[in-house]
Amino acid sequence: MNFFNRKTTWTNAEFIPLKLCIASAYVIIGTCFHSFFEKYYMLLFILFGITVIWCIRLWLRKMKQENPSGGKNEL
């Protein structure tokens, strides 16, 4: 019963089927509700832009924490 408490490590290749599953679900939902989402394109693009910037900032911050020398090669 501790299925949700177990910790596992996954490689990027193992996430490909999950990503394909989620992407196909998004496409199916998008085709079914095209006229509904048509009204909210601008809001969705703004949300997409904000989340892209947010993810890039998080990624850069994580890279700086892992490599405190700033990416410079020290010989």
C-alpha atoms as a PDB file:
ATOM      1  CA  MET A   1       0.000   0.000   0.000  1.00  0.00           C
ATOM      2  CA  ASN A   2       3.029   2.288   0.024  1.00  0.00           C
ATOM      3  CA  PHE A   3       2.853   2.683  -3.753  1.00  0.00           C
ATOM      4  CA  PHE A   4       2.728   6.490  -3.633  1.00  0.00           C
ATOM      5  CA  ASN A   5       5.461   6.776  -0.989  1.00  0.00           C
ATOM      6  CA  ARG A   6       8.157   4.904  -2.909  1.00  0.00           C
ATOM      7  CA  LYS A   7      10.928   6.874  -4.531  1.00  0.00           C
ATOM      8  CA  THR A   8      12.324   5.811  -7.884  1.00  0.00           C
ATOM      9  CA  THR A   9      14.717   7.296 -10.376  1.00  0.00           C
ATOM     10  CA  TRP A  10      13.733   7.625 -14.003  1.00  0.00           C
ATOM     11  CA  THR A  11      15.874   8.293 -17.037  1.00  0.00           C
ATOM     12  CA  ASN A  12      14.801  10.734 -19.715  1.00  0.00           C
ATOM     13  CA  ALA A  13      14.166   7.865 -22.114  1.00  0.00           C
ATOM     14  CA  GLU A  14      11.719   6.312 -19.665  1.00  0.00           C
ATOM     15  CA  PHE A  15       9.686   9.533 -19.585  1.00  0.00           C
ATOM     16  CA  ILE A  16       9.097   9.506 -23.366  1.00  0.00           C
ATOM     17  CA  PRO A  17       5.945   7.318 -23.232  1.00  0.00           C
ATOM     18  CA  LEU A  18       4.504   9.453 -20.420  1.00  0.00           C
ATOM     19  CA  LYS A  19       5.200  12.658 -22.365  1.00  0.00           C
ATOM     20  CA  LEU A  20       3.637  11.186 -25.510  1.00  0.00           C
ATOM     21  CA  CYS A  21       0.582  10.121 -23.524  1.00  0.00           C
ATOM     22  CA  ILE A  22       0.114  13.591 -22.049  1.00  0.00           C
ATOM     23  CA  ALA A  23       0.741  15.302 -25.410  1.00  0.00           C
ATOM     24  CA  SER A  24      -1.805  13.111 -27.176  1.00  0.00           C
ATOM     25  CA  ALA A  25      -4.368  13.856 -24.441  1.00  0.00           C
ATOM     26  CA  TYR A  26      -3.775  17.591 -24.944  1.00  0.00           C
ATOM     27  CA  VAL A  27      -4.279  17.243 -28.696  1.00  0.00           C
ATOM     28  CA  ILE A  28      -7.502  15.280 -28.188  1.00  0.00           C
ATOM     29  CA  ILE A  29      -8.821  17.828 -25.707  1.00  0.00           C
ATOM     30  CA  GLY A  30      -7.798  20.660 -28.005  1.00  0.00           C
ATOM     31  CA  THR A  31      -9.647  19.191 -30.975  1.00  0.00           C
ATOM     32  CA  CYS A  32     -12.801  18.545 -28.954  1.00  0.00           C
ATOM     33  CA  PHE A  33     -12.972  22.023 -27.420  1.00  0.00           C
ATOM     34  CA  HIS A  34     -11.508  24.140 -30.222  1.00  0.00           C
ATOM     35  CA  SER A  35     -14.348  26.659 -30.301  1.00  0.00           C
ATOM     36  CA  PHE A  36     -14.275  27.027 -26.514  1.00  0.00           C
ATOM     37  CA  PHE A  37     -10.524  27.731 -26.337  1.00  0.00           C
ATOM     38  CA  GLU A  38     -10.686  30.077 -29.348  1.00  0.00           C
ATOM     39  CA  LYS A  39     -12.002  32.819 -27.040  1.00  0.00           C
ATOM     40  CA  TYR A  40      -9.000  32.489 -24.697  1.00  0.00           C
ATOM     41  CA  TYR A  41      -6.058  32.403 -27.143  1.00  0.00           C
ATOM     42  CA  MET A  42      -4.580  35.693 -25.898  1.00  0.00           C
ATOM     43  CA  LEU A  43      -4.826  34.646 -22.255  1.00  0.00           C
ATOM     44  CA  LEU A  44      -3.255  31.267 -23.066  1.00  0.00           C
ATOM     45  CA  PHE A  45      -0.370  32.908 -24.956  1.00  0.00           C
ATOM     46  CA  ILE A  46       0.256  35.260 -22.015  1.00  0.00           C
ATOM     47  CA  LEU A  47       0.204  32.311 -19.610  1.00  0.00           C
ATOM     48  CA  PHE A  48       2.573  30.394 -21.900  1.00  0.00           C
ATOM     49  CA  GLY A  49       4.980  33.346 -22.074  1.00  0.00           C
ATOM     50  CA  ILE A  50       5.029  33.805 -18.302  1.00  0.00           C
ATOM     51  CA  THR A  51       5.600  30.101 -17.633  1.00  0.00           C
ATOM     52  CA  VAL A  52       8.394  29.894 -20.237  1.00  0.00           C
ATOM     53  CA  ILE A  53      10.231  32.799 -18.611  1.00  0.00           C
ATOM     54  CA  TRP A  54       9.624  31.296 -15.167  1.00  0.00           C
ATOM     55  CA  CYS A  55      10.977  27.867 -16.204  1.00  0.00           C
ATOM     56  CA  ILE A  56      14.068  29.391 -17.812  1.00  0.00           C
ATOM     57  CA  ARG A  57      14.798  31.406 -14.657  1.00  0.00           C
ATOM     58  CA  LEU A  58      14.407  28.296 -12.489  1.00  0.00           C
ATOM     59  CA  TRP A  59      16.656  26.306 -14.818  1.00  0.00           C
ATOM     60  CA  LEU A  60      19.360  28.990 -14.859  1.00  0.00           C
ATOM     61  CA  ARG A  61      19.220  29.350 -11.066  1.00  0.00           C
ATOM     62  CA  LYS A  62      19.580  25.577 -10.672  1.00  0.00           C
ATOM     63  CA  MET A  63      22.540  25.529 -13.060  1.00  0.00           C
ATOM     64  CA  LYS A  64      24.247  28.306 -11.098  1.00  0.00           C
ATOM     65  CA  GLN A  65      23.747  26.409  -7.836  1.00  0.00           C
ATOM     66  CA  GLU A  66      25.243  23.240  -9.291  1.00  0.00           C
ATOM     67  CA  ASN A  67      28.136  25.069 -10.922  1.00  0.00           C
ATOM     68  CA  PRO A  68      29.088  28.049  -8.696  1.00  0.00           C
ATOM     69  CA  SER A  69      32.079  29.024 -10.879  1.00  0.00           C
ATOM     70  CA  GLY A  70      29.672  30.462 -13.442  1.00  0.00           C
ATOM     71  CA  GLY A  71      30.607  27.988 -16.152  1.00  0.00           C
ATOM     72  CA  LYS A  72      34.213  29.096 -16.390  1.00  0.00           C
ATOM     73  CA  ASN A  73      36.794  26.409 -16.864  1.00  0.00           C
ATOM     74  CA  GLU A  74      39.402  26.555 -14.180  1.00  0.00           C
ATOM     75  CA  LEU A  75      42.751  25.086 -15.220  1.00  0.00           C
END
